C-alpha atoms as a PDB file:
ATOM      1  CA  MET A   1      -6.785  10.700  22.325  1.00  0.00           C
ATOM      2  CA  LYS A   2      -7.646   9.555  18.783  1.00  0.00           C
ATOM      3  CA  VAL A   3      -5.273  12.198  17.391  1.00  0.00           C
ATOM      4  CA  PHE A   4      -2.402  10.719  19.425  1.00  0.00           C
ATOM      5  CA  LYS A   5      -3.215   7.230  18.116  1.00  0.00           C
ATOM      6  CA  VAL A   6      -3.231   8.440  14.510  1.00  0.00           C
ATOM      7  CA  LEU A   7       0.014  10.389  14.961  1.00  0.00           C
ATOM      8  CA  GLY A   8       1.652   7.446  16.696  1.00  0.00           C
ATOM      9  CA  CYS A   9       0.606   5.015  13.971  1.00  0.00           C
ATOM     10  CA  THR A  10       1.811   7.405  11.275  1.00  0.00           C
ATOM     11  CA  ALA A  11       5.218   7.727  12.917  1.00  0.00           C
ATOM     12  CA  LEU A  12       5.417   3.959  13.358  1.00  0.00           C
ATOM     13  CA  THR A  13       4.526   3.480   9.700  1.00  0.00           C
ATOM     14  CA  PHE A  14       7.423   5.621   8.534  1.00  0.00           C
ATOM     15  CA  VAL A  15       9.852   3.873  10.871  1.00  0.00           C
ATOM     16  CA  LEU A  16       8.748   0.379   9.889  1.00  0.00           C
ATOM     17  CA  SER A  17       8.612   1.135   6.170  1.00  0.00           C
ATOM     18  CA  SER A  18      12.180   2.437   6.240  1.00  0.00           C
ATOM     19  CA  CYS A  19      13.301  -0.715   8.064  1.00  0.00           C
ATOM     20  CA  ALA A  20      11.528  -2.988   5.613  1.00  0.00           C
ATOM     21  CA  THR A  21      12.959  -1.442   2.457  1.00  0.00           C
ATOM     22  CA  GLY A  22      16.324  -0.246   3.709  1.00  0.00           C
ATOM     23  CA  PRO A  23      17.596   3.314   3.734  1.00  0.00           C
ATOM     24  CA  ASP A  24      18.211   3.382  -0.024  1.00  0.00           C
ATOM     25  CA  VAL A  25      14.726   2.570  -1.311  1.00  0.00           C
ATOM     26  CA  PRO A  26      11.583   4.577  -0.480  1.00  0.00           C
ATOM     27  CA  GLY A  27       8.456   2.729   0.643  1.00  0.00           C
ATOM     28  CA  MET A  28       5.531   1.911  -1.647  1.00  0.00           C
ATOM     29  CA  SER A  29       3.326   4.626  -0.133  1.00  0.00           C
ATOM     30  CA  GLU A  30       5.964   7.272  -0.722  1.00  0.00           C
ATOM     31  CA  MET A  31       6.534   6.166  -4.299  1.00  0.00           C
ATOM     32  CA  LEU A  32       2.793   6.046  -5.012  1.00  0.00           C
ATOM     33  CA  ARG A  33       2.430   9.594  -3.643  1.00  0.00           C
ATOM     34  CA  GLU A  34       5.287  10.731  -5.860  1.00  0.00           C
ATOM     35  CA  SER A  35       3.990   8.952  -8.981  1.00  0.00           C
ATOM     36  CA  THR A  36       0.368  10.018  -8.642  1.00  0.00           C
ATOM     37  CA  GLY A  37       0.705  13.453  -7.062  1.00  0.00           C
ATOM     38  CA  GLN A  38      -1.982  12.364  -4.559  1.00  0.00           C
ATOM     39  CA  ASN A  39      -1.792  12.571  -0.772  1.00  0.00           C
ATOM     40  CA  GLY A  40      -2.895   8.993  -0.080  1.00  0.00           C
ATOM     41  CA  ARG A  41      -6.268   9.974   1.380  1.00  0.00           C
ATOM     42  CA  ALA A  42      -8.543   8.721  -1.395  1.00  0.00           C
ATOM     43  CA  CYS A  43     -11.813   7.087  -0.344  1.00  0.00           C
ATOM     44  CA  VAL A  44     -14.094   4.456  -1.816  1.00  0.00           C
ATOM     45  CA  ARG A  45     -17.655   3.753  -0.712  1.00  0.00           C
ATOM     46  CA  LEU A  46     -18.068   0.297   0.743  1.00  0.00           C
ATOM     47  CA  SER A  47     -21.072  -0.294  -1.524  1.00  0.00           C
ATOM     48  CA  ASP A  48     -18.921   0.495  -4.594  1.00  0.00           C
ATOM     49  CA  ILE A  49     -16.293  -2.189  -3.907  1.00  0.00           C
ATOM     50  CA  ARG A  50     -16.744  -4.915  -6.520  1.00  0.00           C
ATOM     51  CA  GLY A  51     -13.568  -6.851  -5.827  1.00  0.00           C
ATOM     52  CA  TYR A  52     -10.024  -6.715  -4.560  1.00  0.00           C
ATOM     53  CA  GLY A  53      -6.646  -8.349  -5.047  1.00  0.00           C
ATOM     54  CA  VAL A  54      -3.406  -8.528  -3.097  1.00  0.00           C
ATOM     55  CA  LEU A  55      -0.289  -7.369  -4.901  1.00  0.00           C
ATOM     56  CA  GLU A  56       3.361  -7.367  -3.867  1.00  0.00           C
ATOM     57  CA  ASN A  57       4.648  -5.330  -0.934  1.00  0.00           C
ATOM     58  CA  ASP A  58       1.324  -5.335   0.948  1.00  0.00           C
ATOM     59  CA  VAL A  59      -0.501  -3.347  -1.721  1.00  0.00           C
ATOM     60  CA  VAL A  60      -4.191  -4.087  -2.222  1.00  0.00           C
ATOM     61  CA  SER A  61      -5.967  -3.330  -5.486  1.00  0.00           C
ATOM     62  CA  ILE A  62      -9.623  -2.396  -5.103  1.00  0.00           C
ATOM     63  CA  ASP A  63     -12.108  -2.431  -7.971  1.00  0.00           C
ATOM     64  CA  GLY A  64     -14.616   0.365  -7.383  1.00  0.00           C
ATOM     65  CA  ARG A  65     -17.763   0.918  -9.388  1.00  0.00           C
ATOM     66  CA  THR A  66     -16.259   3.714 -11.526  1.00  0.00           C
ATOM     67  CA  GLU A  67     -12.644   4.046 -10.320  1.00  0.00           C
ATOM     68  CA  TYR A  68      -9.815   1.752  -9.343  1.00  0.00           C
ATOM     69  CA  TYR A  69      -7.748   2.049  -6.163  1.00  0.00           C
ATOM     70  CA  LEU A  70      -4.400   0.945  -4.804  1.00  0.00           C
ATOM     71  CA  ALA A  71      -4.117   0.844  -1.024  1.00  0.00           C
ATOM     72  CA  THR A  72      -1.063   0.174   1.105  1.00  0.00           C
ATOM     73  CA  VAL A  73      -1.462  -1.543   4.460  1.00  0.00           C
ATOM     74  CA  LEU A  74       0.667  -1.267   7.559  1.00  0.00           C
ATOM     75  CA  PRO A  75       3.309  -3.982   8.051  1.00  0.00           C
ATOM     76  CA  GLY A  76       2.387  -7.126   9.946  1.00  0.00           C
ATOM     77  CA  CYS A  77      -0.559  -8.246   7.870  1.00  0.00           C
ATOM     78  CA  THR A  78       0.417 -11.911   7.606  1.00  0.00           C
ATOM     79  CA  ASP A  79      -2.895 -13.477   6.536  1.00  0.00           C
ATOM     80  CA  LEU A  80      -3.584 -11.066   3.679  1.00  0.00           C
ATOM     81  CA  GLN A  81      -1.792 -13.044   0.936  1.00  0.00           C
ATOM     82  CA  THR A  82      -3.629 -16.308   1.624  1.00  0.00           C
ATOM     83  CA  SER A  83      -7.101 -15.160   2.638  1.00  0.00           C
ATOM     84  CA  VAL A  84      -9.975 -15.859   0.261  1.00  0.00           C
ATOM     85  CA  ARG A  85     -12.325 -13.336   1.826  1.00  0.00           C
ATOM     86  CA  THR A  86     -11.939  -9.821   3.188  1.00  0.00           C
ATOM     87  CA  LEU A  87     -14.245  -7.449   5.034  1.00  0.00           C
ATOM     88  CA  PHE A  88     -13.537  -3.755   4.536  1.00  0.00           C
ATOM     89  CA  ARG A  89     -14.275  -1.547   7.543  1.00  0.00           C
ATOM     90  CA  GLY A  90     -14.551   2.215   7.622  1.00  0.00           C
ATOM     91  CA  ASP A  91     -16.537   5.061   9.069  1.00  0.00           C
ATOM     92  CA  PHE A  92     -19.502   6.669   7.311  1.00  0.00           C
ATOM     93  CA  GLY A  93     -19.846   3.852   4.762  1.00  0.00           C
ATOM     94  CA  GLU A  94     -16.480   4.350   3.099  1.00  0.00           C
ATOM     95  CA  VAL A  95     -12.871   3.238   3.388  1.00  0.00           C
ATOM     96  CA  CYS A  96     -10.160   5.898   3.190  1.00  0.00           C
ATOM     97  CA  GLY A  97      -6.411   6.174   3.396  1.00  0.00           C
ATOM     98  CA  GLN A  98      -4.794   7.664   6.507  1.00  0.00           C
ATOM     99  CA  THR A  99      -7.877   7.254   8.709  1.00  0.00           C
ATOM    100  CA  MET A 100      -7.190   3.947  10.492  1.00  0.00           C
ATOM    101  CA  ASP A 101      -9.804   2.173   8.329  1.00  0.00           C
ATOM    102  CA  SER A 102      -9.059  -1.502   7.847  1.00  0.00           C
ATOM    103  CA  LEU A 103      -9.711  -4.737   6.079  1.00  0.00           C
ATOM    104  CA  SER A 104     -10.197  -7.935   8.012  1.00  0.00           C
ATOM    105  CA  THR A 105      -9.314 -11.419   6.889  1.00  0.00           C
ATOM    106  CA  ARG A 106     -10.089 -14.618   8.713  1.00  0.00           C
ATOM    107  CA  GLY A 107      -7.128 -14.243  11.074  1.00  0.00           C
ATOM    108  CA  ASP A 108      -5.934 -10.655  10.722  1.00  0.00           C
ATOM    109  CA  THR A 109      -7.037  -7.041  10.790  1.00  0.00           C
ATOM    110  CA  CYS A 110      -4.960  -4.950   8.416  1.00  0.00           C
ATOM    111  CA  THR A 111      -4.906  -1.183   8.823  1.00  0.00           C
ATOM    112  CA  ILE A 112      -5.008   0.739   5.572  1.00  0.00           C
ATOM    113  CA  ASN A 113      -2.108   3.142   5.451  1.00  0.00           C
ATOM    114  CA  GLN A 114      -2.747   5.109   2.264  1.00  0.00           C
ATOM    115  CA  MET A 115      -5.117   4.839  -0.689  1.00  0.00           C
ATOM    116  CA  PHE A 116      -4.735   6.172  -4.230  1.00  0.00           C
ATOM    117  CA  GLU A 117      -7.423   6.590  -6.889  1.00  0.00           C
ATOM    118  CA  PHE A 118      -7.032   5.814 -10.589  1.00  0.00           C
ATOM    119  CA  ASP A 119      -9.367   6.208 -13.549  1.00  0.00           C
ATOM    120  CA  ASN A 120      -9.134   2.513 -14.437  1.00  0.00           C
ATOM    121  CA  ARG A 121      -7.389  -0.777 -13.732  1.00  0.00           C
ATOM    122  CA  GLU A 122      -4.853  -0.348 -16.541  1.00  0.00           C
ATOM    123  CA  GLU A 123      -3.641   3.002 -15.167  1.00  0.00           C
ATOM    124  CA  ALA A 124      -3.352   1.575 -11.633  1.00  0.00           C
ATOM    125  CA  PHE A 125      -1.366  -1.481 -12.714  1.00  0.00           C
ATOM    126  CA  ALA A 126       0.876   0.515 -15.060  1.00  0.00           C
ATOM    127  CA  THR A 127       1.761   2.814 -12.157  1.00  0.00           C
ATOM    128  CA  PHE A 128       2.288  -0.118  -9.800  1.00  0.00           C
ATOM    129  CA  ASN A 129       4.512  -2.007 -12.265  1.00  0.00           C
ATOM    130  CA  ASP A 130       6.529   1.138 -12.984  1.00  0.00           C
ATOM    131  CA  ILE A 131       7.146   1.562  -9.243  1.00  0.00           C
ATOM    132  CA  LEU A 132       8.219  -2.086  -8.906  1.00  0.00           C
ATOM    133  CA  ASP A 133      10.704  -1.620 -11.768  1.00  0.00           C
ATOM    134  CA  ARG A 134      12.072   1.584 -10.235  1.00  0.00           C
ATOM    135  CA  ARG A 135      12.428  -0.055  -6.794  1.00  0.00           C
ATOM    136  CA  LYS A 136      14.254  -3.016  -8.323  1.00  0.00           C
ATOM    137  CA  GLU A 137      16.681  -0.671 -10.077  1.00  0.00           C
ATOM    138  CA  MET A 138      17.191   1.382  -6.890  1.00  0.00           C
ATOM    139  CA  LYS A 139      18.000  -1.770  -4.927  1.00  0.00           C
ATOM    140  CA  ARG A 140      20.437  -2.906  -7.612  1.00  0.00           C
ATOM    141  CA  LEU A 141      22.207   0.454  -7.635  1.00  0.00           C
ATOM    142  CA  ALA A 142      22.329   0.557  -3.826  1.00  0.00           C
ATOM    143  CA  SER A 143      23.890  -2.917  -3.762  1.00  0.00           C
ATOM    144  CA  GLU A 144      26.491  -1.873  -6.320  1.00  0.00           C
ATOM    145  CA  GLN A 145      27.350   1.253  -4.345  1.00  0.00           C
ATOM    146  CA  ARG A 146      27.914  -0.850  -1.234  1.00  0.00           C
ATOM    147  CA  GLY A 147      30.164  -3.156  -3.254  1.00  0.00           C
ATOM    148  CA  VAL A 148      27.756  -6.078  -3.187  1.00  0.00           C
ATOM    149  CA  VAL A 149      27.307  -7.179  -6.772  1.00  0.00           C
ATOM    150  CA  LYS A 150      25.235 -10.283  -7.409  1.00  0.00           C
ATOM    151  CA  SER A 151      26.461 -12.631 -10.085  1.00  0.00           C
ATOM    152  CA  ASP A 152      24.398 -14.782 -12.398  1.00  0.00           C
ATOM    153  CA  TYR A 153      26.009 -18.021 -11.184  1.00  0.00           C
END
């Protein structure tokens, strides 16, 4: 039964991420997989989490004891941007990508979709900012191809 839940959530993730970004721009998880060469299944021990931050596009940065992580969450996490406290939940004392682990805020439980490991904060943020720039350019090109050009007025 758990396998069906995981498969169903994975399929829903792909459907919702394509709706949220449009057909022309890949989702954050897909672009992180492409940029890092990782499969999105990185794990961090709960006891190693020293802090976290919420970035654009429902991406959470996690400061581990020796590594740094970027995690994407499934759509619908409305309280994540404004919450001052988060509780990470996972099996066996760790939080991993693609395992239905979660983080809970005061009014929401956000399922972690994928997690990626980096050697340090600088590498994680450089990758994230590069992806944001590429997504912005993809959206601009897609708009131009559809004949919708925004002016500076």
